[in-house]
Amino acid sequence: MKDLINFYRVKNLEITKAFYQDIMGFEIYKDQGKCLIYDMHFGKLGFCVHFPEEAANNSCITFVYDSKEEVDKLYKKFNECGYKPSLPEKNKYFKIYHFFLNDPNGLKIECQVFLD
C-alpha cells in the first residue's frame, strides 16, 4: 500500500475549505473541483460534493495531538470562530482527553490526546 485517502460527502466545498485550511491549518494536496484532498502526512483526507446523499453516515473524524495543551488551544480557537465544541474532558476508559464538534457540513470531529 502506498497511501490512504478517507473520503467524506459534504454539501459545500467553500465552507469545508475555510474550516479545514483556515481554522485547522491543513495543507491542500489536490483540488479536483468536486473534491478537496488534504495531505495529513499519515494519509489523506478527502471531501467531495458529488457523492450521493445516501453516502453520508455516522462516522467520526478523529485528530490525535501530542498534548492536552494542543487540544485546549484548538478548543479555544473553535469557540473563537463560532463553533460550539463540547467541553474538553478526560475519558478514563479510553485514557484520552478530548472534545467533539461538528464541522460546517455536520461531520463529527473529535480532537484528542492519548494520556498513556
PDB file of N, CA and C in Angstrom:
ATOM      1  N   MET A   1       0.846  -1.172   0.000  1.00  0.00           N
ATOM      2  CA  MET A   1       0.000   0.000   0.000  1.00  0.00           C
ATOM      3  C   MET A   1       0.891   1.235   0.000  1.00  0.00           C
ATOM      4  N   LYS A   2       0.527   2.201  -0.819  1.00  0.00           N
ATOM      5  CA  LYS A   2       1.300   3.435  -0.915  1.00  0.00           C
ATOM      6  C   LYS A   2       0.713   4.540  -0.046  1.00  0.00           C
ATOM      7  N   ASP A   3      -0.618   4.598   0.047  1.00  0.00           N
ATOM      8  CA  ASP A   3      -1.258   5.733   0.712  1.00  0.00           C
ATOM      9  C   ASP A   3      -2.677   5.350   1.106  1.00  0.00           C
ATOM     10  N   LEU A   4      -3.344   6.237   1.790  1.00  0.00           N
ATOM     11  CA  LEU A   4      -4.722   6.026   2.206  1.00  0.00           C
ATOM     12  C   LEU A   4      -5.450   7.359   2.117  1.00  0.00           C
ATOM     13  N   ILE A   5      -6.639   7.355   1.526  1.00  0.00           N
ATOM     14  CA  ILE A   5      -7.485   8.552   1.495  1.00  0.00           C
ATOM     15  C   ILE A   5      -8.844   8.164   2.046  1.00  0.00           C
ATOM     16  N   ASN A   6      -9.305   8.874   3.054  1.00  0.00           N
ATOM     17  CA  ASN A   6     -10.662   8.723   3.561  1.00  0.00           C
ATOM     18  C   ASN A   6     -11.490   9.852   2.965  1.00  0.00           C
ATOM     19  N   PHE A   7     -12.565   9.498   2.236  1.00  0.00           N
ATOM     20  CA  PHE A   7     -13.425  10.498   1.612  1.00  0.00           C
ATOM     21  C   PHE A   7     -14.736  10.635   2.382  1.00  0.00           C
ATOM     22  N   TYR A   8     -15.209  11.871   2.460  1.00  0.00           N
ATOM     23  CA  TYR A   8     -16.469  12.178   3.135  1.00  0.00           C
ATOM     24  C   TYR A   8     -17.320  13.061   2.230  1.00  0.00           C
ATOM     25  N   ARG A   9     -18.607  12.802   2.230  1.00  0.00           N
ATOM     26  CA  ARG A   9     -19.552  13.613   1.462  1.00  0.00           C
ATOM     27  C   ARG A   9     -19.814  14.921   2.199  1.00  0.00           C
ATOM     28  N   VAL A  10     -19.762  16.026   1.454  1.00  0.00           N
ATOM     29  CA  VAL A  10     -20.090  17.343   2.006  1.00  0.00           C
ATOM     30  C   VAL A  10     -21.006  18.063   1.020  1.00  0.00           C
ATOM     31  N   LYS A  11     -21.653  19.101   1.484  1.00  0.00           N
ATOM     32  CA  LYS A  11     -22.556  19.868   0.623  1.00  0.00           C
ATOM     33  C   LYS A  11     -21.902  21.112   0.041  1.00  0.00           C
ATOM     34  N   ASN A  12     -20.866  21.634   0.703  1.00  0.00           N
ATOM     35  CA  ASN A  12     -20.279  22.903   0.280  1.00  0.00           C
ATOM     36  C   ASN A  12     -18.763  22.858   0.467  1.00  0.00           C
ATOM     37  N   LEU A  13     -18.024  22.947  -0.628  1.00  0.00           N
ATOM     38  CA  LEU A  13     -16.567  22.878  -0.544  1.00  0.00           C
ATOM     39  C   LEU A  13     -15.941  24.163  -0.004  1.00  0.00           C
ATOM     40  N   GLU A  14     -16.590  25.294  -0.213  1.00  0.00           N
ATOM     41  CA  GLU A  14     -16.018  26.564   0.270  1.00  0.00           C
ATOM     42  C   GLU A  14     -15.992  26.626   1.798  1.00  0.00           C
ATOM     43  N   ILE A  15     -17.106  26.239   2.444  1.00  0.00           N
ATOM     44  CA  ILE A  15     -17.082  26.259   3.915  1.00  0.00           C
ATOM     45  C   ILE A  15     -16.191  25.149   4.453  1.00  0.00           C
ATOM     46  N   THR A  16     -16.092  24.060   3.690  1.00  0.00           N
ATOM     47  CA  THR A  16     -15.190  22.978   4.076  1.00  0.00           C
ATOM     48  C   THR A  16     -13.749  23.462   4.022  1.00  0.00           C
ATOM     49  N   LYS A  17     -13.396  24.160   2.962  1.00  0.00           N
ATOM     50  CA  LYS A  17     -12.042  24.700   2.802  1.00  0.00           C
ATOM     51  C   LYS A  17     -11.733  25.706   3.911  1.00  0.00           C
ATOM     52  N   ALA A  18     -12.667  26.583   4.215  1.00  0.00           N
ATOM     53  CA  ALA A  18     -12.449  27.579   5.274  1.00  0.00           C
ATOM     54  C   ALA A  18     -12.200  26.890   6.617  1.00  0.00           C
ATOM     55  N   PHE A  19     -12.935  25.849   6.892  1.00  0.00           N
ATOM     56  CA  PHE A  19     -12.793  25.131   8.165  1.00  0.00           C
ATOM     57  C   PHE A  19     -11.461  24.391   8.237  1.00  0.00           C
ATOM     58  N   TYR A  20     -11.187  23.541   7.248  1.00  0.00           N
ATOM     59  CA  TYR A  20     -10.011  22.666   7.329  1.00  0.00           C
ATOM     60  C   TYR A  20      -8.699  23.384   6.999  1.00  0.00           C
ATOM     61  N   GLN A  21      -8.726  24.386   6.133  1.00  0.00           N
ATOM     62  CA  GLN A  21      -7.496  25.116   5.830  1.00  0.00           C
ATOM     63  C   GLN A  21      -7.282  26.277   6.793  1.00  0.00           C
ATOM     64  N   ASP A  22      -8.274  27.140   6.929  1.00  0.00           N
ATOM     65  CA  ASP A  22      -8.095  28.361   7.718  1.00  0.00           C
ATOM     66  C   ASP A  22      -8.074  28.109   9.215  1.00  0.00           C
ATOM     67  N   ILE A  23      -8.941  27.252   9.707  1.00  0.00           N
ATOM     68  CA  ILE A  23      -9.013  27.017  11.149  1.00  0.00           C
ATOM     69  C   ILE A  23      -8.094  25.867  11.566  1.00  0.00           C
ATOM     70  N   MET A  24      -8.211  24.723  10.892  1.00  0.00           N
ATOM     71  CA  MET A  24      -7.407  23.556  11.262  1.00  0.00           C
ATOM     72  C   MET A  24      -5.963  23.669  10.768  1.00  0.00           C
ATOM     73  N   GLY A  25      -5.712  24.450   9.729  1.00  0.00           N
ATOM     74  CA  GLY A  25      -4.361  24.644   9.217  1.00  0.00           C
ATOM     75  C   GLY A  25      -3.856  23.527   8.317  1.00  0.00           C
ATOM     76  N   PHE A  26      -4.754  22.737   7.727  1.00  0.00           N
ATOM     77  CA  PHE A  26      -4.331  21.640   6.863  1.00  0.00           C
ATOM     78  C   PHE A  26      -3.919  22.174   5.497  1.00  0.00           C
ATOM     79  N   GLU A  27      -2.974  21.479   4.869  1.00  0.00           N
ATOM     80  CA  GLU A  27      -2.487  21.868   3.550  1.00  0.00           C
ATOM     81  C   GLU A  27      -3.200  21.058   2.473  1.00  0.00           C
ATOM     82  N   ILE A  28      -3.635  21.769   1.425  1.00  0.00           N
ATOM     83  CA  ILE A  28      -4.324  21.107   0.332  1.00  0.00           C
ATOM     84  C   ILE A  28      -3.328  20.262  -0.472  1.00  0.00           C
ATOM     85  N   TYR A  29      -3.730  19.061  -0.808  1.00  0.00           N
ATOM     86  CA  TYR A  29      -2.924  18.181  -1.648  1.00  0.00           C
ATOM     87  C   TYR A  29      -3.390  18.293  -3.095  1.00  0.00           C
ATOM     88  N   LYS A  30      -4.714  18.176  -3.300  1.00  0.00           N
ATOM     89  CA  LYS A  30      -5.300  18.339  -4.624  1.00  0.00           C
ATOM     90  C   LYS A  30      -6.678  18.973  -4.499  1.00  0.00           C
ATOM     91  N   ASP A  31      -6.936  19.934  -5.375  1.00  0.00           N
ATOM     92  CA  ASP A  31      -8.269  20.500  -5.520  1.00  0.00           C
ATOM     93  C   ASP A  31      -8.770  20.010  -6.869  1.00  0.00           C
ATOM     94  N   GLN A  32      -9.708  19.074  -6.857  1.00  0.00           N
ATOM     95  CA  GLN A  32     -10.205  18.463  -8.081  1.00  0.00           C
ATOM     96  C   GLN A  32     -11.532  19.066  -8.544  1.00  0.00           C
ATOM     97  N   GLY A  33     -11.875  20.219  -8.013  1.00  0.00           N
ATOM     98  CA  GLY A  33     -13.130  20.855  -8.392  1.00  0.00           C
ATOM     99  C   GLY A  33     -14.301  20.334  -7.586  1.00  0.00           C
ATOM    100  N   LYS A  34     -14.570  19.047  -7.647  1.00  0.00           N
ATOM    101  CA  LYS A  34     -15.651  18.433  -6.870  1.00  0.00           C
ATOM    102  C   LYS A  34     -15.138  17.785  -5.595  1.00  0.00           C
ATOM    103  N   CYS A  35     -13.822  17.701  -5.441  1.00  0.00           N
ATOM    104  CA  CYS A  35     -13.207  17.097  -4.251  1.00  0.00           C
ATOM    105  C   CYS A  35     -12.009  17.924  -3.808  1.00  0.00           C
ATOM    106  N   LEU A  36     -11.872  18.057  -2.500  1.00  0.00           N
ATOM    107  CA  LEU A  36     -10.673  18.628  -1.895  1.00  0.00           C
ATOM    108  C   LEU A  36      -9.968  17.500  -1.156  1.00  0.00           C
ATOM    109  N   ILE A  37      -8.669  17.370  -1.375  1.00  0.00           N
ATOM    110  CA  ILE A  37      -7.904  16.329  -0.690  1.00  0.00           C
ATOM    111  C   ILE A  37      -6.785  17.009   0.087  1.00  0.00           C
ATOM    112  N   TYR A  38      -6.702  16.688   1.386  1.00  0.00           N
ATOM    113  CA  TYR A  38      -5.689  17.249   2.272  1.00  0.00           C
ATOM    114  C   TYR A  38      -4.657  16.189   2.619  1.00  0.00           C
ATOM    115  N   ASP A  39      -3.386  16.587   2.617  1.00  0.00           N
ATOM    116  CA  ASP A  39      -2.301  15.688   2.991  1.00  0.00           C
ATOM    117  C   ASP A  39      -2.111  15.779   4.493  1.00  0.00           C
ATOM    118  N   MET A  40      -2.331  14.659   5.167  1.00  0.00           N
ATOM    119  CA  MET A  40      -2.226  14.628   6.622  1.00  0.00           C
ATOM    120  C   MET A  40      -0.881  14.056   7.083  1.00  0.00           C
ATOM    121  N   HIS A  41       0.002  13.752   6.155  1.00  0.00           N
ATOM    122  CA  HIS A  41       1.337  13.193   6.419  1.00  0.00           C
ATOM    123  C   HIS A  41       1.278  11.768   6.978  1.00  0.00           C
ATOM    124  N   PHE A  42       0.108  11.230   7.192  1.00  0.00           N
ATOM    125  CA  PHE A  42      -0.069   9.846   7.627  1.00  0.00           C
ATOM    126  C   PHE A  42      -1.201   9.221   6.826  1.00  0.00           C
ATOM    127  N   GLY A  43      -1.571   9.887   5.778  1.00  0.00           N
ATOM    128  CA  GLY A  43      -2.691   9.519   4.929  1.00  0.00           C
ATOM    129  C   GLY A  43      -3.313  10.795   4.401  1.00  0.00           C
ATOM    130  N   LYS A  44      -4.408  10.654   3.711  1.00  0.00           N
ATOM    131  CA  LYS A  44      -5.057  11.826   3.145  1.00  0.00           C
ATOM    132  C   LYS A  44      -6.532  11.836   3.519  1.00  0.00           C
ATOM    133  N   LEU A  45      -7.083  13.033   3.557  1.00  0.00           N
ATOM    134  CA  LEU A  45      -8.464  13.256   3.939  1.00  0.00           C
ATOM    135  C   LEU A  45      -9.146  13.983   2.791  1.00  0.00           C
ATOM    136  N   GLY A  46     -10.222  13.393   2.242  1.00  0.00           N
ATOM    137  CA  GLY A  46     -10.898  13.980   1.099  1.00  0.00           C
ATOM    138  C   GLY A  46     -12.348  14.315   1.398  1.00  0.00           C
ATOM    139  N   PHE A  47     -12.807  15.424   0.796  1.00  0.00           N
ATOM    140  CA  PHE A  47     -14.192  15.870   0.941  1.00  0.00           C
ATOM    141  C   PHE A  47     -14.737  16.112  -0.459  1.00  0.00           C
ATOM    142  N   CYS A  48     -15.901  15.523  -0.760  1.00  0.00           N
ATOM    143  CA  CYS A  48     -16.459  15.568  -2.112  1.00  0.00           C
ATOM    144  C   CYS A  48     -17.919  16.003  -2.089  1.00  0.00           C
ATOM    145  N   VAL A  49     -18.301  16.775  -3.117  1.00  0.00           N
ATOM    146  CA  VAL A  49     -19.697  17.205  -3.226  1.00  0.00           C
ATOM    147  C   VAL A  49     -20.508  16.321  -4.172  1.00  0.00           C
ATOM    148  N   HIS A  50     -19.865  15.432  -4.909  1.00  0.00           N
ATOM    149  CA  HIS A  50     -20.581  14.653  -5.910  1.00  0.00           C
ATOM    150  C   HIS A  50     -21.100  13.312  -5.404  1.00  0.00           C
ATOM    151  N   PHE A  51     -20.782  12.927  -4.173  1.00  0.00           N
ATOM    152  CA  PHE A  51     -21.294  11.664  -3.649  1.00  0.00           C
ATOM    153  C   PHE A  51     -22.803  11.786  -3.424  1.00  0.00           C
ATOM    154  N   PRO A  52     -23.555  10.715  -3.648  1.00  0.00           N
ATOM    155  CA  PRO A  52     -24.993  10.764  -3.363  1.00  0.00           C
ATOM    156  C   PRO A  52     -25.242  10.915  -1.858  1.00  0.00           C
ATOM    157  N   GLU A  53     -26.374  11.504  -1.526  1.00  0.00           N
ATOM    158  CA  GLU A  53     -26.690  11.767  -0.121  1.00  0.00           C
ATOM    159  C   GLU A  53     -26.704  10.493   0.719  1.00  0.00           C
ATOM    160  N   GLU A  54     -27.044   9.369   0.121  1.00  0.00           N
ATOM    161  CA  GLU A  54     -27.053   8.109   0.869  1.00  0.00           C
ATOM    162  C   GLU A  54     -25.662   7.731   1.371  1.00  0.00           C
ATOM    163  N   ALA A  55     -24.626   8.348   0.804  1.00  0.00           N
ATOM    164  CA  ALA A  55     -23.251   8.019   1.203  1.00  0.00           C
ATOM    165  C   ALA A  55     -22.889   8.596   2.565  1.00  0.00           C
ATOM    166  N   ALA A  56     -23.678   9.556   3.042  1.00  0.00           N
ATOM    167  CA  ALA A  56     -23.400  10.132   4.369  1.00  0.00           C
ATOM    168  C   ALA A  56     -23.670   9.057   5.424  1.00  0.00           C
ATOM    169  N   ASN A  57     -22.808   9.031   6.450  1.00  0.00           N
ATOM    170  CA  ASN A  57     -23.003   8.042   7.517  1.00  0.00           C
ATOM    171  C   ASN A  57     -22.677   8.669   8.866  1.00  0.00           C
ATOM    172  N   ASN A  58     -22.660   7.882   9.873  1.00  0.00           N
ATOM    173  CA  ASN A  58     -22.429   8.374  11.223  1.00  0.00           C
ATOM    174  C   ASN A  58     -20.976   8.212  11.650  1.00  0.00           C
ATOM    175  N   SER A  59     -20.048   8.492  10.787  1.00  0.00           N
ATOM    176  CA  SER A  59     -18.633   8.341  11.108  1.00  0.00           C
ATOM    177  C   SER A  59     -18.133   9.538  11.914  1.00  0.00           C
ATOM    178  N   CYS A  60     -16.936   9.388  12.433  1.00  0.00           N
ATOM    179  CA  CYS A  60     -16.289  10.453  13.204  1.00  0.00           C
ATOM    180  C   CYS A  60     -14.853  10.578  12.725  1.00  0.00           C
ATOM    181  N   ILE A  61     -14.433  11.794  12.425  1.00  0.00           N
ATOM    182  CA  ILE A  61     -13.049  12.048  12.043  1.00  0.00           C
ATOM    183  C   ILE A  61     -12.310  12.430  13.319  1.00  0.00           C
ATOM    184  N   THR A  62     -11.330  11.634  13.718  1.00  0.00           N
ATOM    185  CA  THR A  62     -10.588  11.878  14.955  1.00  0.00           C
ATOM    186  C   THR A  62      -9.172  12.328  14.623  1.00  0.00           C
ATOM    187  N   PHE A  63      -8.795  13.482  15.184  1.00  0.00           N
ATOM    188  CA  PHE A  63      -7.452  14.013  15.032  1.00  0.00           C
ATOM    189  C   PHE A  63      -6.733  13.842  16.363  1.00  0.00           C
ATOM    190  N   VAL A  64      -5.572  13.202  16.325  1.00  0.00           N
ATOM    191  CA  VAL A  64      -4.812  12.910  17.542  1.00  0.00           C
ATOM    192  C   VAL A  64      -3.652  13.891  17.652  1.00  0.00           C
ATOM    193  N   TYR A  65      -3.524  14.512  18.814  1.00  0.00           N
ATOM    194  CA  TYR A  65      -2.478  15.510  19.062  1.00  0.00           C
ATOM    195  C   TYR A  65      -1.498  14.997  20.109  1.00  0.00           C
ATOM    196  N   ASP A  66      -0.409  15.746  20.293  1.00  0.00           N
ATOM    197  CA  ASP A  66       0.666  15.333  21.197  1.00  0.00           C
ATOM    198  C   ASP A  66       0.456  15.735  22.650  1.00  0.00           C
ATOM    199  N   SER A  67      -0.404  16.735  22.914  1.00  0.00           N
ATOM    200  CA  SER A  67      -0.530  17.228  24.286  1.00  0.00           C
ATOM    201  C   SER A  67      -1.928  17.766  24.567  1.00  0.00           C
ATOM    202  N   LYS A  68      -2.253  17.831  25.862  1.00  0.00           N
ATOM    203  CA  LYS A  68      -3.512  18.450  26.296  1.00  0.00           C
ATOM    204  C   LYS A  68      -3.530  19.918  25.901  1.00  0.00           C
ATOM    205  N   GLU A  69      -2.369  20.554  25.946  1.00  0.00           N
ATOM    206  CA  GLU A  69      -2.283  21.979  25.608  1.00  0.00           C
ATOM    207  C   GLU A  69      -2.710  22.228  24.162  1.00  0.00           C
ATOM    208  N   GLU A  70      -2.308  21.329  23.255  1.00  0.00           N
ATOM    209  CA  GLU A  70      -2.722  21.466  21.851  1.00  0.00           C
ATOM    210  C   GLU A  70      -4.228  21.302  21.714  1.00  0.00           C
ATOM    211  N   VAL A  71      -4.800  20.333  22.423  1.00  0.00           N
ATOM    212  CA  VAL A  71      -6.239  20.105  22.379  1.00  0.00           C
ATOM    213  C   VAL A  71      -6.966  21.331  22.934  1.00  0.00           C
ATOM    214  N   ASP A  72      -6.494  21.866  24.053  1.00  0.00           N
ATOM    215  CA  ASP A  72      -7.118  23.055  24.647  1.00  0.00           C
ATOM    216  C   ASP A  72      -7.003  24.275  23.736  1.00  0.00           C
ATOM    217  N   LYS A  73      -5.884  24.404  23.049  1.00  0.00           N
ATOM    218  CA  LYS A  73      -5.691  25.524  22.123  1.00  0.00           C
ATOM    219  C   LYS A  73      -6.694  25.447  20.970  1.00  0.00           C
ATOM    220  N   LEU A  74      -6.896  24.243  20.432  1.00  0.00           N
ATOM    221  CA  LEU A  74      -7.887  24.062  19.368  1.00  0.00           C
ATOM    222  C   LEU A  74      -9.299  24.331  19.872  1.00  0.00           C
ATOM    223  N   TYR A  75      -9.594  23.864  21.081  1.00  0.00           N
ATOM    224  CA  TYR A  75     -10.907  24.105  21.668  1.00  0.00           C
ATOM    225  C   TYR A  75     -11.183  25.615  21.726  1.00  0.00           C
ATOM    226  N   LYS A  76     -10.208  26.360  22.187  1.00  0.00           N
ATOM    227  CA  LYS A  76     -10.350  27.823  22.276  1.00  0.00           C
ATOM    228  C   LYS A  76     -10.537  28.435  20.888  1.00  0.00           C
ATOM    229  N   LYS A  77      -9.769  27.972  19.916  1.00  0.00           N
ATOM    230  CA  LYS A  77      -9.856  28.500  18.559  1.00  0.00           C
ATOM    231  C   LYS A  77     -11.234  28.240  17.954  1.00  0.00           C
ATOM    232  N   PHE A  78     -11.764  27.031  18.142  1.00  0.00           N
ATOM    233  CA  PHE A  78     -13.090  26.724  17.615  1.00  0.00           C
ATOM    234  C   PHE A  78     -14.149  27.616  18.246  1.00  0.00           C
ATOM    235  N   ASN A  79     -14.061  27.849  19.551  1.00  0.00           N
ATOM    236  CA  ASN A  79     -15.015  28.740  20.216  1.00  0.00           C
ATOM    237  C   ASN A  79     -14.919  30.154  19.661  1.00  0.00           C
ATOM    238  N   GLU A  80     -13.701  30.632  19.469  1.00  0.00           N
ATOM    239  CA  GLU A  80     -13.498  31.987  18.941  1.00  0.00           C
ATOM    240  C   GLU A  80     -14.045  32.129  17.523  1.00  0.00           C
ATOM    241  N   CYS A  81     -14.062  31.040  16.759  1.00  0.00           N
ATOM    242  CA  CYS A  81     -14.547  31.051  15.377  1.00  0.00           C
ATOM    243  C   CYS A  81     -16.051  30.781  15.279  1.00  0.00           C
ATOM    244  N   GLY A  82     -16.717  30.652  16.421  1.00  0.00           N
ATOM    245  CA  GLY A  82     -18.163  30.485  16.421  1.00  0.00           C
ATOM    246  C   GLY A  82     -18.660  29.060  16.412  1.00  0.00           C
ATOM    247  N   TYR A  83     -17.765  28.102  16.453  1.00  0.00           N
ATOM    248  CA  TYR A  83     -18.185  26.704  16.554  1.00  0.00           C
ATOM    249  C   TYR A  83     -18.460  26.408  18.026  1.00  0.00           C
ATOM    250  N   LYS A  84     -19.231  25.408  18.283  1.00  0.00           N
ATOM    251  CA  LYS A  84     -19.621  25.107  19.657  1.00  0.00           C
ATOM    252  C   LYS A  84     -19.169  23.698  20.039  1.00  0.00           C
ATOM    253  N   PRO A  85     -17.872  23.538  20.320  1.00  0.00           N
ATOM    254  CA  PRO A  85     -17.402  22.209  20.707  1.00  0.00           C
ATOM    255  C   PRO A  85     -17.884  21.828  22.100  1.00  0.00           C
ATOM    256  N   SER A  86     -17.934  20.526  22.352  1.00  0.00           N
ATOM    257  CA  SER A  86     -18.215  20.056  23.711  1.00  0.00           C
ATOM    258  C   SER A  86     -17.031  20.438  24.589  1.00  0.00           C
ATOM    259  N   LEU A  87     -17.246  20.469  25.881  1.00  0.00           N
ATOM    260  CA  LEU A  87     -16.141  20.786  26.789  1.00  0.00           C
ATOM    261  C   LEU A  87     -15.095  19.675  26.738  1.00  0.00           C
ATOM    262  N   PRO A  88     -13.815  20.042  26.711  1.00  0.00           N
ATOM    263  CA  PRO A  88     -12.784  19.003  26.768  1.00  0.00           C
ATOM    264  C   PRO A  88     -12.894  18.235  28.085  1.00  0.00           C
ATOM    265  N   GLU A  89     -12.686  16.933  28.016  1.00  0.00           N
ATOM    266  CA  GLU A  89     -12.782  16.121  29.216  1.00  0.00           C
ATOM    267  C   GLU A  89     -11.895  14.888  29.105  1.00  0.00           C
ATOM    268  N   LYS A  90     -11.582  14.335  30.266  1.00  0.00           N
ATOM    269  CA  LYS A  90     -10.833  13.080  30.319  1.00  0.00           C
ATOM    270  C   LYS A  90     -11.824  11.936  30.193  1.00  0.00           C
ATOM    271  N   ASN A  91     -11.467  10.947  29.415  1.00  0.00           N
ATOM    272  CA  ASN A  91     -12.234   9.722  29.321  1.00  0.00           C
ATOM    273  C   ASN A  91     -11.369   8.641  29.953  1.00  0.00           C
ATOM    274  N   LYS A  92     -11.743   8.221  31.148  1.00  0.00           N
ATOM    275  CA  LYS A  92     -10.926   7.254  31.900  1.00  0.00           C
ATOM    276  C   LYS A  92     -10.857   5.897  31.232  1.00  0.00           C
ATOM    277  N   TYR A  93     -11.938   5.488  30.616  1.00  0.00           N
ATOM    278  CA  TYR A  93     -11.970   4.177  29.985  1.00  0.00           C
ATOM    279  C   TYR A  93     -10.955   4.086  28.843  1.00  0.00           C
ATOM    280  N   PHE A  94     -10.978   5.082  27.955  1.00  0.00           N
ATOM    281  CA  PHE A  94     -10.083   5.072  26.794  1.00  0.00           C
ATOM    282  C   PHE A  94      -8.746   5.762  27.069  1.00  0.00           C
ATOM    283  N   LYS A  95      -8.621   6.368  28.255  1.00  0.00           N
ATOM    284  CA  LYS A  95      -7.404   7.083  28.656  1.00  0.00           C
ATOM    285  C   LYS A  95      -7.031   8.153  27.633  1.00  0.00           C
ATOM    286  N   ILE A  96      -8.024   9.018  27.360  1.00  0.00           N
ATOM    287  CA  ILE A  96      -7.824  10.122  26.435  1.00  0.00           C
ATOM    288  C   ILE A  96      -8.372  11.405  27.047  1.00  0.00           C
ATOM    289  N   TYR A  97      -7.956  12.502  26.502  1.00  0.00           N
ATOM    290  CA  TYR A  97      -8.503  13.827  26.790  1.00  0.00           C
ATOM    291  C   TYR A  97      -9.014  14.322  25.446  1.00  0.00           C
ATOM    292  N   HIS A  98     -10.297  14.740  25.368  1.00  0.00           N
ATOM    293  CA  HIS A  98     -10.879  15.018  24.056  1.00  0.00           C
ATOM    294  C   HIS A  98     -12.085  15.939  24.125  1.00  0.00           C
ATOM    295  N   PHE A  99     -12.476  16.398  22.936  1.00  0.00           N
ATOM    296  CA  PHE A  99     -13.750  17.096  22.767  1.00  0.00           C
ATOM    297  C   PHE A  99     -14.270  16.801  21.363  1.00  0.00           C
ATOM    298  N   PHE A 100     -15.562  17.089  21.170  1.00  0.00           N
ATOM    299  CA  PHE A 100     -16.225  16.868  19.890  1.00  0.00           C
ATOM    300  C   PHE A 100     -16.828  18.170  19.384  1.00  0.00           C
ATOM    301  N   LEU A 101     -16.994  18.243  18.078  1.00  0.00           N
ATOM    302  CA  LEU A 101     -17.750  19.311  17.439  1.00  0.00           C
ATOM    303  C   LEU A 101     -18.163  18.819  16.071  1.00  0.00           C
ATOM    304  N   ASN A 102     -19.023  19.568  15.413  1.00  0.00           N
ATOM    305  CA  ASN A 102     -19.408  19.267  14.035  1.00  0.00           C
ATOM    306  C   ASN A 102     -18.755  20.293  13.125  1.00  0.00           C
ATOM    307  N   ASP A 103     -18.241  19.816  11.988  1.00  0.00           N
ATOM    308  CA  ASP A 103     -17.688  20.743  11.011  1.00  0.00           C
ATOM    309  C   ASP A 103     -18.849  21.418  10.288  1.00  0.00           C
ATOM    310  N   PRO A 104     -18.595  22.347   9.366  1.00  0.00           N
ATOM    311  CA  PRO A 104     -19.691  23.060   8.707  1.00  0.00           C
ATOM    312  C   PRO A 104     -20.629  22.163   7.912  1.00  0.00           C
ATOM    313  N   ASN A 105     -20.201  20.939   7.610  1.00  0.00           N
ATOM    314  CA  ASN A 105     -21.037  20.002   6.862  1.00  0.00           C
ATOM    315  C   ASN A 105     -21.812  19.058   7.765  1.00  0.00           C
ATOM    316  N   GLY A 106     -21.628  19.197   9.080  1.00  0.00           N
ATOM    317  CA  GLY A 106     -22.306  18.318  10.026  1.00  0.00           C
ATOM    318  C   GLY A 106     -21.535  17.050  10.344  1.00  0.00           C
ATOM    319  N   LEU A 107     -20.312  16.908   9.802  1.00  0.00           N
ATOM    320  CA  LEU A 107     -19.499  15.735  10.121  1.00  0.00           C
ATOM    321  C   LEU A 107     -18.952  15.867  11.534  1.00  0.00           C
ATOM    322  N   LYS A 108     -18.973  14.766  12.274  1.00  0.00           N
ATOM    323  CA  LYS A 108     -18.488  14.778  13.653  1.00  0.00           C
ATOM    324  C   LYS A 108     -16.959  14.764  13.654  1.00  0.00           C
ATOM    325  N   ILE A 109     -16.380  15.683  14.426  1.00  0.00           N
ATOM    326  CA  ILE A 109     -14.932  15.814  14.585  1.00  0.00           C
ATOM    327  C   ILE A 109     -14.602  15.561  16.055  1.00  0.00           C
ATOM    328  N   GLU A 110     -13.547  14.804  16.290  1.00  0.00           N
ATOM    329  CA  GLU A 110     -13.030  14.608  17.644  1.00  0.00           C
ATOM    330  C   GLU A 110     -11.567  15.034  17.640  1.00  0.00           C
ATOM    331  N   CYS A 111     -11.187  15.832  18.629  1.00  0.00           N
ATOM    332  CA  CYS A 111      -9.794  16.215  18.841  1.00  0.00           C
ATOM    333  C   CYS A 111      -9.368  15.606  20.161  1.00  0.00           C
ATOM    334  N   GLN A 112      -8.276  14.829  20.152  1.00  0.00           N
ATOM    335  CA  GLN A 112      -7.914  14.095  21.353  1.00  0.00           C
ATOM    336  C   GLN A 112      -6.413  13.958  21.501  1.00  0.00           C
ATOM    337  N   VAL A 113      -6.011  13.616  22.731  1.00  0.00           N
ATOM    338  CA  VAL A 113      -4.646  13.213  23.031  1.00  0.00           C
ATOM    339  C   VAL A 113      -4.744  11.955  23.889  1.00  0.00           C
ATOM    340  N   PHE A 114      -3.870  10.980  23.621  1.00  0.00           N
ATOM    341  CA  PHE A 114      -3.792   9.794  24.465  1.00  0.00           C
ATOM    342  C   PHE A 114      -3.041  10.168  25.746  1.00  0.00           C
ATOM    343  N   LEU A 115      -3.546   9.727  26.888  1.00  0.00           N
ATOM    344  CA  LEU A 115      -2.948  10.096  28.168  1.00  0.00           C
ATOM    345  C   LEU A 115      -1.959   9.071  28.687  1.00  0.00           C
ATOM    346  N   ASP A 116      -1.791   7.949  28.012  1.00  0.00           N
ATOM    347  CA  ASP A 116      -0.827   6.957  28.492  1.00  0.00           C
ATOM    348  C   ASP A 116       0.308   6.773  27.517  1.00  0.00           C
TER     349      ASP A 116
END
